[in-house]
Amino acid sequence: MRKTVKQCKTCPWRMDVVPERDIPNCYCATKHRNLKSTIAEPGRVSMSEARKMMACHESTTGDEFPCAGWLANQLGPGNNIPLRIMMVKGLLPDFKLVGEQHERFEDTLPSER
C-alpha cells in the first residue's frame, strides 16, 4: 500500500467538486450511492466495516488505494473506530487533503447538494 495518498482534484469529498461533471470515465451516481456501505456508523465498533474501503476513483483494479477524502471523513467526523485502530497500527497510508471537505457522505452525492 502507498505511504501517502494525496487527494485528487476530482475527489467527491471536496466541496469544490461536482461529481457528475468533474469525475472522469463515465461517472455513475448509482455506484457512488452504493459506496454508502463503506461509511461506518459513528462510534459503532464493527470489524466487518473496517474491511470496506472507498477506493480513489483514480486507482486501478488490483492496485486500489483509499480515497483521501474518505479516510479523512472516517478518521474524523465519521468516527470509524476499526479504521482508527488500523491507522494507529500503521496499516493505512497517511493522507493529504486539498481544500474544504464535505462532512457527510450524503453531501458528496449530486442529488443531495
PDB file of N, CA and C in Angstrom:
ATOM      1  N   MET A   1       0.844  -1.184   0.000  1.00  0.00           N
ATOM      2  CA  MET A   1       0.000   0.000   0.000  1.00  0.00           C
ATOM      3  C   MET A   1       0.889   1.248   0.000  1.00  0.00           C
ATOM      4  N   ARG A   2       0.378   2.294  -0.583  1.00  0.00           N
ATOM      5  CA  ARG A   2       1.121   3.548  -0.641  1.00  0.00           C
ATOM      6  C   ARG A   2       1.371   4.104   0.756  1.00  0.00           C
ATOM      7  N   LYS A   3       2.454   4.873   0.897  1.00  0.00           N
ATOM      8  CA  LYS A   3       2.751   5.501   2.181  1.00  0.00           C
ATOM      9  C   LYS A   3       1.917   6.758   2.386  1.00  0.00           C
ATOM     10  N   THR A   4       1.642   7.460   1.298  1.00  0.00           N
ATOM     11  CA  THR A   4       0.857   8.690   1.371  1.00  0.00           C
ATOM     12  C   THR A   4      -0.115   8.737   0.200  1.00  0.00           C
ATOM     13  N   VAL A   5      -1.323   9.210   0.473  1.00  0.00           N
ATOM     14  CA  VAL A   5      -2.330   9.390  -0.561  1.00  0.00           C
ATOM     15  C   VAL A   5      -2.694  10.871  -0.577  1.00  0.00           C
ATOM     16  N   LYS A   6      -2.488  11.510  -1.718  1.00  0.00           N
ATOM     17  CA  LYS A   6      -2.882  12.910  -1.861  1.00  0.00           C
ATOM     18  C   LYS A   6      -4.257  12.958  -2.524  1.00  0.00           C
ATOM     19  N   GLN A   7      -5.126  13.765  -1.964  1.00  0.00           N
ATOM     20  CA  GLN A   7      -6.478  13.877  -2.504  1.00  0.00           C
ATOM     21  C   GLN A   7      -6.430  14.359  -3.950  1.00  0.00           C
ATOM     22  N   CYS A   8      -7.145  13.659  -4.813  1.00  0.00           N
ATOM     23  CA  CYS A   8      -7.136  14.007  -6.229  1.00  0.00           C
ATOM     24  C   CYS A   8      -8.014  15.231  -6.491  1.00  0.00           C
ATOM     25  N   LYS A   9      -7.817  15.850  -7.632  1.00  0.00           N
ATOM     26  CA  LYS A   9      -8.527  17.099  -7.941  1.00  0.00           C
ATOM     27  C   LYS A   9     -10.015  16.892  -8.214  1.00  0.00           C
ATOM     28  N   THR A  10     -10.448  15.637  -8.396  1.00  0.00           N
ATOM     29  CA  THR A  10     -11.871  15.385  -8.655  1.00  0.00           C
ATOM     30  C   THR A  10     -12.516  14.539  -7.557  1.00  0.00           C
ATOM     31  N   CYS A  11     -11.962  14.575  -6.369  1.00  0.00           N
ATOM     32  CA  CYS A  11     -12.496  13.791  -5.252  1.00  0.00           C
ATOM     33  C   CYS A  11     -13.872  14.327  -4.849  1.00  0.00           C
ATOM     34  N   PRO A  12     -14.879  13.448  -4.743  1.00  0.00           N
ATOM     35  CA  PRO A  12     -16.219  13.910  -4.382  1.00  0.00           C
ATOM     36  C   PRO A  12     -16.326  14.459  -2.959  1.00  0.00           C
ATOM     37  N   TRP A  13     -15.331  14.202  -2.107  1.00  0.00           N
ATOM     38  CA  TRP A  13     -15.350  14.751  -0.752  1.00  0.00           C
ATOM     39  C   TRP A  13     -14.973  16.226  -0.738  1.00  0.00           C
ATOM     40  N   ARG A  14     -14.367  16.701  -1.810  1.00  0.00           N
ATOM     41  CA  ARG A  14     -14.024  18.129  -1.892  1.00  0.00           C
ATOM     42  C   ARG A  14     -15.280  18.936  -2.207  1.00  0.00           C
ATOM     43  N   MET A  15     -15.445  20.033  -1.518  1.00  0.00           N
ATOM     44  CA  MET A  15     -16.643  20.848  -1.706  1.00  0.00           C
ATOM     45  C   MET A  15     -16.672  21.538  -3.063  1.00  0.00           C
ATOM     46  N   ASP A  16     -15.528  21.690  -3.700  1.00  0.00           N
ATOM     47  CA  ASP A  16     -15.479  22.372  -4.994  1.00  0.00           C
ATOM     48  C   ASP A  16     -15.657  21.421  -6.183  1.00  0.00           C
ATOM     49  N   VAL A  17     -15.972  20.153  -5.915  1.00  0.00           N
ATOM     50  CA  VAL A  17     -16.133  19.157  -6.980  1.00  0.00           C
ATOM     51  C   VAL A  17     -17.609  18.821  -7.170  1.00  0.00           C
ATOM     52  N   VAL A  18     -18.023  18.779  -8.421  1.00  0.00           N
ATOM     53  CA  VAL A  18     -19.365  18.317  -8.789  1.00  0.00           C
ATOM     54  C   VAL A  18     -19.141  16.964  -9.478  1.00  0.00           C
ATOM     55  N   PRO A  19     -19.406  15.861  -8.762  1.00  0.00           N
ATOM     56  CA  PRO A  19     -19.038  14.539  -9.296  1.00  0.00           C
ATOM     57  C   PRO A  19     -19.517  14.263 -10.709  1.00  0.00           C
ATOM     58  N   GLU A  20     -20.792  14.526 -10.991  1.00  0.00           N
ATOM     59  CA  GLU A  20     -21.308  14.190 -12.317  1.00  0.00           C
ATOM     60  C   GLU A  20     -20.673  15.022 -13.423  1.00  0.00           C
ATOM     61  N   ARG A  21     -20.034  16.113 -13.075  1.00  0.00           N
ATOM     62  CA  ARG A  21     -19.351  16.944 -14.064  1.00  0.00           C
ATOM     63  C   ARG A  21     -17.847  16.692 -14.067  1.00  0.00           C
ATOM     64  N   ASP A  22     -17.266  16.516 -12.886  1.00  0.00           N
ATOM     65  CA  ASP A  22     -15.812  16.522 -12.751  1.00  0.00           C
ATOM     66  C   ASP A  22     -15.140  15.151 -12.756  1.00  0.00           C
ATOM     67  N   ILE A  23     -15.850  14.106 -12.343  1.00  0.00           N
ATOM     68  CA  ILE A  23     -15.220  12.787 -12.276  1.00  0.00           C
ATOM     69  C   ILE A  23     -15.185  12.180 -13.677  1.00  0.00           C
ATOM     70  N   PRO A  24     -13.974  11.806 -14.121  1.00  0.00           N
ATOM     71  CA  PRO A  24     -13.824  11.275 -15.488  1.00  0.00           C
ATOM     72  C   PRO A  24     -14.304   9.835 -15.637  1.00  0.00           C
ATOM     73  N   ASN A  25     -14.364   9.381 -16.852  1.00  0.00           N
ATOM     74  CA  ASN A  25     -14.663   7.990 -17.200  1.00  0.00           C
ATOM     75  C   ASN A  25     -16.067   7.544 -16.794  1.00  0.00           C
ATOM     76  N   CYS A  26     -17.045   8.273 -17.253  1.00  0.00           N
ATOM     77  CA  CYS A  26     -18.450   7.867 -17.087  1.00  0.00           C
ATOM     78  C   CYS A  26     -18.874   7.736 -15.629  1.00  0.00           C
ATOM     79  N   TYR A  27     -18.925   8.852 -14.926  1.00  0.00           N
ATOM     80  CA  TYR A  27     -19.403   8.875 -13.544  1.00  0.00           C
ATOM     81  C   TYR A  27     -20.754   8.180 -13.457  1.00  0.00           C
ATOM     82  N   CYS A  28     -20.945   7.382 -12.403  1.00  0.00           N
ATOM     83  CA  CYS A  28     -22.194   6.648 -12.196  1.00  0.00           C
ATOM     84  C   CYS A  28     -22.740   6.965 -10.810  1.00  0.00           C
ATOM     85  N   ALA A  29     -23.859   7.683 -10.743  1.00  0.00           N
ATOM     86  CA  ALA A  29     -24.469   8.068  -9.473  1.00  0.00           C
ATOM     87  C   ALA A  29     -24.886   6.840  -8.660  1.00  0.00           C
ATOM     88  N   THR A  30     -25.315   5.786  -9.314  1.00  0.00           N
ATOM     89  CA  THR A  30     -25.725   4.568  -8.601  1.00  0.00           C
ATOM     90  C   THR A  30     -24.533   3.942  -7.878  1.00  0.00           C
ATOM     91  N   LYS A  31     -23.407   3.814  -8.567  1.00  0.00           N
ATOM     92  CA  LYS A  31     -22.208   3.269  -7.923  1.00  0.00           C
ATOM     93  C   LYS A  31     -21.767   4.166  -6.774  1.00  0.00           C
ATOM     94  N   HIS A  32     -21.868   5.468  -6.980  1.00  0.00           N
ATOM     95  CA  HIS A  32     -21.496   6.421  -5.936  1.00  0.00           C
ATOM     96  C   HIS A  32     -22.375   6.206  -4.707  1.00  0.00           C
ATOM     97  N   ARG A  33     -23.680   6.131  -4.891  1.00  0.00           N
ATOM     98  CA  ARG A  33     -24.606   5.905  -3.762  1.00  0.00           C
ATOM     99  C   ARG A  33     -24.314   4.576  -3.054  1.00  0.00           C
ATOM    100  N   ASN A  34     -23.917   3.555  -3.815  1.00  0.00           N
ATOM    101  CA  ASN A  34     -23.620   2.251  -3.230  1.00  0.00           C
ATOM    102  C   ASN A  34     -22.388   2.272  -2.323  1.00  0.00           C
ATOM    103  N   LEU A  35     -21.575   3.309  -2.433  1.00  0.00           N
ATOM    104  CA  LEU A  35     -20.409   3.435  -1.560  1.00  0.00           C
ATOM    105  C   LEU A  35     -20.804   3.753  -0.117  1.00  0.00           C
ATOM    106  N   LYS A  36     -22.080   3.985   0.108  1.00  0.00           N
ATOM    107  CA  LYS A  36     -22.596   4.203   1.467  1.00  0.00           C
ATOM    108  C   LYS A  36     -22.197   3.035   2.368  1.00  0.00           C
ATOM    109  N   SER A  37     -22.036   1.846   1.793  1.00  0.00           N
ATOM    110  CA  SER A  37     -21.659   0.669   2.588  1.00  0.00           C
ATOM    111  C   SER A  37     -20.249   0.788   3.177  1.00  0.00           C
ATOM    112  N   THR A  38     -19.453   1.742   2.707  1.00  0.00           N
ATOM    113  CA  THR A  38     -18.107   1.947   3.249  1.00  0.00           C
ATOM    114  C   THR A  38     -18.099   2.940   4.404  1.00  0.00           C
ATOM    115  N   ILE A  39     -19.254   3.513   4.706  1.00  0.00           N
ATOM    116  CA  ILE A  39     -19.342   4.541   5.742  1.00  0.00           C
ATOM    117  C   ILE A  39     -19.774   3.903   7.054  1.00  0.00           C
ATOM    118  N   ALA A  40     -18.937   4.049   8.081  1.00  0.00           N
ATOM    119  CA  ALA A  40     -19.245   3.474   9.388  1.00  0.00           C
ATOM    120  C   ALA A  40     -20.283   4.328  10.103  1.00  0.00           C
ATOM    121  N   GLU A  41     -21.079   3.670  10.921  1.00  0.00           N
ATOM    122  CA  GLU A  41     -21.980   4.406  11.804  1.00  0.00           C
ATOM    123  C   GLU A  41     -21.090   4.985  12.895  1.00  0.00           C
ATOM    124  N   PRO A  42     -21.081   6.322  13.071  1.00  0.00           N
ATOM    125  CA  PRO A  42     -20.167   6.937  14.038  1.00  0.00           C
ATOM    126  C   PRO A  42     -20.203   6.267  15.416  1.00  0.00           C
ATOM    127  N   GLY A  43     -19.010   5.866  15.870  1.00  0.00           N
ATOM    128  CA  GLY A  43     -18.869   5.283  17.186  1.00  0.00           C
ATOM    129  C   GLY A  43     -19.172   3.795  17.285  1.00  0.00           C
ATOM    130  N   ARG A  44     -19.719   3.206  16.242  1.00  0.00           N
ATOM    131  CA  ARG A  44     -20.065   1.770  16.271  1.00  0.00           C
ATOM    132  C   ARG A  44     -18.816   0.955  15.948  1.00  0.00           C
ATOM    133  N   VAL A  45     -18.549  -0.044  16.739  1.00  0.00           N
ATOM    134  CA  VAL A  45     -17.379  -0.885  16.518  1.00  0.00           C
ATOM    135  C   VAL A  45     -17.814  -2.156  15.795  1.00  0.00           C
ATOM    136  N   SER A  46     -17.394  -2.288  14.552  1.00  0.00           N
ATOM    137  CA  SER A  46     -17.683  -3.466  13.749  1.00  0.00           C
ATOM    138  C   SER A  46     -16.486  -3.725  12.855  1.00  0.00           C
ATOM    139  N   MET A  47     -15.810  -4.811  13.090  1.00  0.00           N
ATOM    140  CA  MET A  47     -14.615  -5.109  12.305  1.00  0.00           C
ATOM    141  C   MET A  47     -14.943  -5.402  10.846  1.00  0.00           C
ATOM    142  N   SER A  48     -16.177  -5.786  10.524  1.00  0.00           N
ATOM    143  CA  SER A  48     -16.529  -6.026   9.124  1.00  0.00           C
ATOM    144  C   SER A  48     -16.494  -4.712   8.341  1.00  0.00           C
ATOM    145  N   GLU A  49     -16.833  -3.603   8.987  1.00  0.00           N
ATOM    146  CA  GLU A  49     -16.774  -2.304   8.320  1.00  0.00           C
ATOM    147  C   GLU A  49     -15.344  -1.894   8.019  1.00  0.00           C
ATOM    148  N   ALA A  50     -14.409  -2.354   8.822  1.00  0.00           N
ATOM    149  CA  ALA A  50     -13.010  -1.999   8.608  1.00  0.00           C
ATOM    150  C   ALA A  50     -12.481  -2.578   7.301  1.00  0.00           C
ATOM    151  N   ARG A  51     -13.105  -3.631   6.803  1.00  0.00           N
ATOM    152  CA  ARG A  51     -12.647  -4.252   5.566  1.00  0.00           C
ATOM    153  C   ARG A  51     -13.199  -3.567   4.332  1.00  0.00           C
ATOM    154  N   LYS A  52     -14.177  -2.677   4.518  1.00  0.00           N
ATOM    155  CA  LYS A  52     -14.754  -1.960   3.378  1.00  0.00           C
ATOM    156  C   LYS A  52     -14.019  -0.645   3.206  1.00  0.00           C
ATOM    157  N   MET A  53     -13.659  -0.339   1.969  1.00  0.00           N
ATOM    158  CA  MET A  53     -12.896   0.862   1.701  1.00  0.00           C
ATOM    159  C   MET A  53     -13.463   1.571   0.477  1.00  0.00           C
ATOM    160  N   MET A  54     -13.517   2.878   0.549  1.00  0.00           N
ATOM    161  CA  MET A  54     -13.837   3.659  -0.637  1.00  0.00           C
ATOM    162  C   MET A  54     -12.500   3.906  -1.335  1.00  0.00           C
ATOM    163  N   ALA A  55     -12.308   3.235  -2.452  1.00  0.00           N
ATOM    164  CA  ALA A  55     -11.068   3.405  -3.200  1.00  0.00           C
ATOM    165  C   ALA A  55     -11.125   4.710  -3.992  1.00  0.00           C
ATOM    166  N   CYS A  56      -9.970   5.311  -4.186  1.00  0.00           N
ATOM    167  CA  CYS A  56      -9.882   6.502  -5.029  1.00  0.00           C
ATOM    168  C   CYS A  56     -10.284   6.107  -6.449  1.00  0.00           C
ATOM    169  N   HIS A  57     -11.092   6.951  -7.092  1.00  0.00           N
ATOM    170  CA  HIS A  57     -11.525   6.614  -8.453  1.00  0.00           C
ATOM    171  C   HIS A  57     -10.375   6.690  -9.459  1.00  0.00           C
ATOM    172  N   GLU A  58      -9.226   7.204  -9.023  1.00  0.00           N
ATOM    173  CA  GLU A  58      -8.053   7.227  -9.896  1.00  0.00           C
ATOM    174  C   GLU A  58      -7.185   5.979  -9.725  1.00  0.00           C
ATOM    175  N   SER A  59      -7.532   5.115  -8.769  1.00  0.00           N
ATOM    176  CA  SER A  59      -6.767   3.872  -8.616  1.00  0.00           C
ATOM    177  C   SER A  59      -7.237   2.867  -9.663  1.00  0.00           C
ATOM    178  N   THR A  60      -6.455   1.823  -9.841  1.00  0.00           N
ATOM    179  CA  THR A  60      -6.788   0.825 -10.861  1.00  0.00           C
ATOM    180  C   THR A  60      -7.121  -0.509 -10.195  1.00  0.00           C
ATOM    181  N   THR A  61      -7.873  -1.337 -10.877  1.00  0.00           N
ATOM    182  CA  THR A  61      -8.238  -2.650 -10.366  1.00  0.00           C
ATOM    183  C   THR A  61      -6.980  -3.445 -10.058  1.00  0.00           C
ATOM    184  N   GLY A  62      -6.917  -3.977  -8.853  1.00  0.00           N
ATOM    185  CA  GLY A  62      -5.746  -4.731  -8.421  1.00  0.00           C
ATOM    186  C   GLY A  62      -4.713  -3.866  -7.725  1.00  0.00           C
ATOM    187  N   ASP A  63      -4.793  -2.561  -7.894  1.00  0.00           N
ATOM    188  CA  ASP A  63      -3.881  -1.618  -7.243  1.00  0.00           C
ATOM    189  C   ASP A  63      -4.701  -0.486  -6.618  1.00  0.00           C
ATOM    190  N   GLU A  64      -5.782  -0.870  -5.917  1.00  0.00           N
ATOM    191  CA  GLU A  64      -6.645   0.119  -5.297  1.00  0.00           C
ATOM    192  C   GLU A  64      -5.957   0.736  -4.082  1.00  0.00           C
ATOM    193  N   PHE A  65      -6.212   1.991  -3.873  1.00  0.00           N
ATOM    194  CA  PHE A  65      -5.752   2.673  -2.673  1.00  0.00           C
ATOM    195  C   PHE A  65      -6.897   3.539  -2.168  1.00  0.00           C
ATOM    196  N   PRO A  66      -6.926   3.803  -0.863  1.00  0.00           N
ATOM    197  CA  PRO A  66      -8.070   4.518  -0.300  1.00  0.00           C
ATOM    198  C   PRO A  66      -8.172   5.958  -0.778  1.00  0.00           C
ATOM    199  N   CYS A  67      -9.411   6.414  -0.865  1.00  0.00           N
ATOM    200  CA  CYS A  67      -9.706   7.804  -1.182  1.00  0.00           C
ATOM    201  C   CYS A  67      -9.279   8.655   0.019  1.00  0.00           C
ATOM    202  N   ALA A  68      -8.482   9.690  -0.213  1.00  0.00           N
ATOM    203  CA  ALA A  68      -8.001  10.549   0.872  1.00  0.00           C
ATOM    204  C   ALA A  68      -9.154  11.253   1.569  1.00  0.00           C
ATOM    205  N   GLY A  69     -10.152  11.702   0.826  1.00  0.00           N
ATOM    206  CA  GLY A  69     -11.309  12.366   1.428  1.00  0.00           C
ATOM    207  C   GLY A  69     -12.096  11.423   2.311  1.00  0.00           C
ATOM    208  N   TRP A  70     -12.251  10.186   1.858  1.00  0.00           N
ATOM    209  CA  TRP A  70     -12.943   9.168   2.654  1.00  0.00           C
ATOM    210  C   TRP A  70     -12.170   8.877   3.930  1.00  0.00           C
ATOM    211  N   LEU A  71     -10.838   8.723   3.820  1.00  0.00           N
ATOM    212  CA  LEU A  71     -10.020   8.478   5.006  1.00  0.00           C
ATOM    213  C   LEU A  71     -10.202   9.595   6.026  1.00  0.00           C
ATOM    214  N   ALA A  72     -10.117  10.832   5.561  1.00  0.00           N
ATOM    215  CA  ALA A  72     -10.258  11.981   6.465  1.00  0.00           C
ATOM    216  C   ALA A  72     -11.626  11.969   7.143  1.00  0.00           C
ATOM    217  N   ASN A  73     -12.667  11.675   6.378  1.00  0.00           N
ATOM    218  CA  ASN A  73     -14.007  11.650   6.945  1.00  0.00           C
ATOM    219  C   ASN A  73     -14.148  10.525   7.960  1.00  0.00           C
ATOM    220  N   GLN A  74     -13.719   9.338   7.619  1.00  0.00           N
ATOM    221  CA  GLN A  74     -13.919   8.195   8.501  1.00  0.00           C
ATOM    222  C   GLN A  74     -13.023   8.249   9.738  1.00  0.00           C
ATOM    223  N   LEU A  75     -11.872   8.876   9.630  1.00  0.00           N
ATOM    224  CA  LEU A  75     -10.996   9.024  10.793  1.00  0.00           C
ATOM    225  C   LEU A  75     -11.373  10.249  11.622  1.00  0.00           C
ATOM    226  N   GLY A  76     -12.149  11.151  11.037  1.00  0.00           N
ATOM    227  CA  GLY A  76     -12.581  12.365  11.730  1.00  0.00           C
ATOM    228  C   GLY A  76     -14.033  12.273  12.135  1.00  0.00           C
ATOM    229  N   PRO A  77     -14.902  13.065  11.481  1.00  0.00           N
ATOM    230  CA  PRO A  77     -16.309  13.103  11.890  1.00  0.00           C
ATOM    231  C   PRO A  77     -17.037  11.770  11.753  1.00  0.00           C
ATOM    232  N   GLY A  78     -16.570  10.883  10.867  1.00  0.00           N
ATOM    233  CA  GLY A  78     -17.207   9.580  10.712  1.00  0.00           C
ATOM    234  C   GLY A  78     -16.952   8.643  11.881  1.00  0.00           C
ATOM    235  N   ASN A  79     -15.875   8.918  12.640  1.00  0.00           N
ATOM    236  CA  ASN A  79     -15.542   8.176  13.854  1.00  0.00           C
ATOM    237  C   ASN A  79     -15.555   6.663  13.646  1.00  0.00           C
ATOM    238  N   ASN A  80     -14.879   6.219  12.581  1.00  0.00           N
ATOM    239  CA  ASN A  80     -14.781   4.795  12.259  1.00  0.00           C
ATOM    240  C   ASN A  80     -13.706   4.180  13.160  1.00  0.00           C
ATOM    241  N   ILE A  81     -14.142   3.587  14.266  1.00  0.00           N
ATOM    242  CA  ILE A  81     -13.226   3.062  15.280  1.00  0.00           C
ATOM    243  C   ILE A  81     -12.276   1.997  14.720  1.00  0.00           C
ATOM    244  N   PRO A  82     -12.770   0.977  13.990  1.00  0.00           N
ATOM    245  CA  PRO A  82     -11.836  -0.020  13.445  1.00  0.00           C
ATOM    246  C   PRO A  82     -10.794   0.613  12.504  1.00  0.00           C
ATOM    247  N   LEU A  83     -11.204   1.600  11.725  1.00  0.00           N
ATOM    248  CA  LEU A  83     -10.260   2.265  10.819  1.00  0.00           C
ATOM    249  C   LEU A  83      -9.212   3.039  11.624  1.00  0.00           C
ATOM    250  N   ARG A  84      -9.641   3.654  12.724  1.00  0.00           N
ATOM    251  CA  ARG A  84      -8.692   4.367  13.593  1.00  0.00           C
ATOM    252  C   ARG A  84      -7.654   3.393  14.152  1.00  0.00           C
ATOM    253  N   ILE A  85      -8.085   2.209  14.540  1.00  0.00           N
ATOM    254  CA  ILE A  85      -7.154   1.199  15.055  1.00  0.00           C
ATOM    255  C   ILE A  85      -6.160   0.810  13.967  1.00  0.00           C
ATOM    256  N   MET A  86      -6.655   0.621  12.741  1.00  0.00           N
ATOM    257  CA  MET A  86      -5.765   0.285  11.625  1.00  0.00           C
ATOM    258  C   MET A  86      -4.743   1.392  11.381  1.00  0.00           C
ATOM    259  N   MET A  87      -5.166   2.659  11.510  1.00  0.00           N
ATOM    260  CA  MET A  87      -4.267   3.793  11.291  1.00  0.00           C
ATOM    261  C   MET A  87      -3.165   3.811  12.358  1.00  0.00           C
ATOM    262  N   VAL A  88      -3.550   3.602  13.614  1.00  0.00           N
ATOM    263  CA  VAL A  88      -2.578   3.578  14.709  1.00  0.00           C
ATOM    264  C   VAL A  88      -1.559   2.465  14.508  1.00  0.00           C
ATOM    265  N   LYS A  89      -2.005   1.340  13.982  1.00  0.00           N
ATOM    266  CA  LYS A  89      -1.106   0.198  13.746  1.00  0.00           C
ATOM    267  C   LYS A  89      -0.243   0.380  12.497  1.00  0.00           C
ATOM    268  N   GLY A  90      -0.443   1.476  11.764  1.00  0.00           N
ATOM    269  CA  GLY A  90       0.351   1.724  10.566  1.00  0.00           C
ATOM    270  C   GLY A  90      -0.104   0.946   9.350  1.00  0.00           C
ATOM    271  N   LEU A  91      -1.357   0.507   9.347  1.00  0.00           N
ATOM    272  CA  LEU A  91      -1.870  -0.296   8.246  1.00  0.00           C
ATOM    273  C   LEU A  91      -2.518   0.530   7.145  1.00  0.00           C
ATOM    274  N   LEU A  92      -2.557   1.855   7.327  1.00  0.00           N
ATOM    275  CA  LEU A  92      -3.153   2.753   6.334  1.00  0.00           C
ATOM    276  C   LEU A  92      -2.148   3.826   5.944  1.00  0.00           C
ATOM    277  N   PRO A  93      -2.286   4.366   4.734  1.00  0.00           N
ATOM    278  CA  PRO A  93      -1.367   5.431   4.342  1.00  0.00           C
ATOM    279  C   PRO A  93      -1.718   6.755   5.024  1.00  0.00           C
ATOM    280  N   ASP A  94      -0.722   7.614   5.140  1.00  0.00           N
ATOM    281  CA  ASP A  94      -1.001   8.993   5.530  1.00  0.00           C
ATOM    282  C   ASP A  94      -1.746   9.619   4.369  1.00  0.00           C
ATOM    283  N   PHE A  95      -2.420  10.731   4.601  1.00  0.00           N
ATOM    284  CA  PHE A  95      -3.163  11.365   3.515  1.00  0.00           C
ATOM    285  C   PHE A  95      -3.036  12.876   3.603  1.00  0.00           C
ATOM    286  N   LYS A  96      -3.186  13.493   2.440  1.00  0.00           N
ATOM    287  CA  LYS A  96      -3.140  14.955   2.347  1.00  0.00           C
ATOM    288  C   LYS A  96      -4.399  15.416   1.642  1.00  0.00           C
ATOM    289  N   LEU A  97      -5.082  16.370   2.259  1.00  0.00           N
ATOM    290  CA  LEU A  97      -6.314  16.907   1.688  1.00  0.00           C
ATOM    291  C   LEU A  97      -6.049  18.206   0.951  1.00  0.00           C
ATOM    292  N   VAL A  98      -6.976  18.542   0.050  1.00  0.00           N
ATOM    293  CA  VAL A  98      -6.899  19.789  -0.700  1.00  0.00           C
ATOM    294  C   VAL A  98      -8.246  20.496  -0.562  1.00  0.00           C
ATOM    295  N   GLY A  99      -8.276  21.665   0.043  1.00  0.00           N
ATOM    296  CA  GLY A  99      -9.498  22.459   0.131  1.00  0.00           C
ATOM    297  C   GLY A  99     -10.482  21.995   1.186  1.00  0.00           C
ATOM    298  N   GLU A 100     -11.653  22.631   1.165  1.00  0.00           N
ATOM    299  CA  GLU A 100     -12.719  22.316   2.112  1.00  0.00           C
ATOM    300  C   GLU A 100     -13.369  20.979   1.767  1.00  0.00           C
ATOM    301  N   GLN A 101     -13.794  20.259   2.809  1.00  0.00           N
ATOM    302  CA  GLN A 101     -14.333  18.912   2.651  1.00  0.00           C
ATOM    303  C   GLN A 101     -15.787  18.843   3.117  1.00  0.00           C
ATOM    304  N   HIS A 102     -16.538  17.939   2.498  1.00  0.00           N
ATOM    305  CA  HIS A 102     -17.890  17.645   2.974  1.00  0.00           C
ATOM    306  C   HIS A 102     -17.785  16.894   4.291  1.00  0.00           C
ATOM    307  N   GLU A 103     -18.737  17.114   5.179  1.00  0.00           N
ATOM    308  CA  GLU A 103     -18.716  16.436   6.469  1.00  0.00           C
ATOM    309  C   GLU A 103     -19.449  15.098   6.448  1.00  0.00           C
ATOM    310  N   ARG A 104     -20.402  14.944   5.534  1.00  0.00           N
ATOM    311  CA  ARG A 104     -21.201  13.713   5.480  1.00  0.00           C
ATOM    312  C   ARG A 104     -21.138  13.111   4.082  1.00  0.00           C
ATOM    313  N   PHE A 105     -21.201  11.783   4.013  1.00  0.00           N
ATOM    314  CA  PHE A 105     -21.203  11.098   2.727  1.00  0.00           C
ATOM    315  C   PHE A 105     -22.334  11.613   1.845  1.00  0.00           C
ATOM    316  N   GLU A 106     -23.525  11.796   2.435  1.00  0.00           N
ATOM    317  CA  GLU A 106     -24.693  12.240   1.668  1.00  0.00           C
ATOM    318  C   GLU A 106     -24.438  13.556   0.934  1.00  0.00           C
ATOM    319  N   ASP A 107     -23.574  14.385   1.494  1.00  0.00           N
ATOM    320  CA  ASP A 107     -23.256  15.669   0.855  1.00  0.00           C
ATOM    321  C   ASP A 107     -22.376  15.505  -0.373  1.00  0.00           C
ATOM    322  N   THR A 108     -21.775  14.337  -0.561  1.00  0.00           N
ATOM    323  CA  THR A 108     -20.940  14.106  -1.740  1.00  0.00           C
ATOM    324  C   THR A 108     -21.775  13.687  -2.949  1.00  0.00           C
ATOM    325  N   LEU A 109     -23.021  13.301  -2.695  1.00  0.00           N
ATOM    326  CA  LEU A 109     -23.899  12.821  -3.773  1.00  0.00           C
ATOM    327  C   LEU A 109     -24.519  13.995  -4.531  1.00  0.00           C
ATOM    328  N   PRO A 110     -24.614  13.907  -5.843  1.00  0.00           N
ATOM    329  CA  PRO A 110     -25.127  15.021  -6.648  1.00  0.00           C
ATOM    330  C   PRO A 110     -26.542  15.449  -6.294  1.00  0.00           C
ATOM    331  N   SER A 111     -27.432  14.514  -6.003  1.00  0.00           N
ATOM    332  CA  SER A 111     -28.818  14.878  -5.725  1.00  0.00           C
ATOM    333  C   SER A 111     -29.006  15.430  -4.318  1.00  0.00           C
ATOM    334  N   GLU A 112     -27.993  15.342  -3.491  1.00  0.00           N
ATOM    335  CA  GLU A 112     -28.097  15.786  -2.104  1.00  0.00           C
ATOM    336  C   GLU A 112     -27.581  17.208  -1.909  1.00  0.00           C
ATOM    337  N   ARG A 113     -27.077  17.818  -2.968  1.00  0.00           N
ATOM    338  CA  ARG A 113     -26.470  19.149  -2.835  1.00  0.00           C
ATOM    339  C   ARG A 113     -27.499  20.236  -2.872  1.00  0.00           C
TER     340      ARG A 113
END
